Amino acid sequence: MISVIIPAYNAASTIRDTIEALLNQNYPKNKYEIIVVDDGSKDDTVKIIKSYKKVRLIKQRHKGPAAARNIGAKRAKGSILLFTDSDCIPSKNWIRDMVEPLKNKEIVGVSGRYRTLNKESVVARFVGYEIARNHETMKKQKYIDFIGSYSAAYRKDIFLKFGGFDESFPIASGEDPELSFRIAKAGYKMVFQPKAYVYHRHPDSLRKFLRQQFWRGYWRVLLYKKHADKMFRHSYTPLRLYFEIALLGLTSLLLLLGLFRIIPIQYGLLGLFLAFILTLPFSFKIFKKDKEVGLIAPIIIILRNFFVGLGIIYGLKLLFGNR
């Protein structure tokens, strides 16, 4: 038996599509169950879930997706746990493709991939291209240490052995790689499955994207506080990104000092020029596929790096907190 677990919080606008996609999988219906854990929603999420007789509903007070997934896992009937999110639409073969690598008894975890649903948005398409680039890197690795909960599979016994997702992450913010880091460091093997994908609505405006990146930077401080050894070395995030963020941070400082005439402003302008140059290789690759996105990619990348950096600076307080 396979248990598919979805945390849901105020997901009335998307959860129906997720459930419909899971009910219509190219997989024997008696071989899997669907569990939706409502995380204290205040909209019609519960009402929609209850309209599906074949979906198990679990309710909890609002504690975040990590806690929701954990309670779903504890009550699951299956020996294999699949996770996706309430704003994702799994492909028709998603379950079949996700569990295929687990036929190898040595494999305990599997990561799937994203496909962009809202392609009408230039920003969403950019996000999709960037994620796809990282996934191409993961395809080349025999084993991985980074699994995102939007498309994840774990053997239940291993999941419970490690205590599930870390509930000190109150939002979707790094609790998924934190778990896979722990499992990988214990010597267990996990793989990337490029055939398994879910459709996802990426941020459709620059404001939403930059806000997301700010908080991602913020919570990465907590993630790397727990796993300092993974800061610059894991399956998903390219080392190049850390250098770009550091360069932009230094550039911002130089520009600020230049504006106050403490140093020549040309130093800051030179840093900004270098930051722009570093965006060009990936931007050209995008341009070959999508000219509209490729043209604005350098601006998006520079702004993204700046806001991630701001999030990291703001998140430094987590180093001295109780989390």
Foldseek 3Di string as FASTA:
>chain_A
DEEEEEEDAQLVPFQVLQVVLVCQAPDDPVPYAYEYEYQQHPDCPVVSQVVDPRYHYHYDHHQEDQVRVLVSLVPDPDQKYWFAYSQKHWHRHQVVLQCVVVVPVLAFKEAEAEDEDPVVFLVSVLVRLLRVVLVVQQQPDPFFQAHQRNTMMGRSVLCVVQPTFDSVPRYRACSRSLSSNVVVVVPGTYGYRHVTYIYGHDDRDLVVLLVVLLSNLLSVLVSCLSVVVCPQDGRGDHNVLVVLLVLLVVLVVLCVCCVVPVDPNVVSVVSVVVSLVVQQVSLVVVCVVPVVSSVCRSVSSSSSSPSSSNSNVVNPVVNVDDD
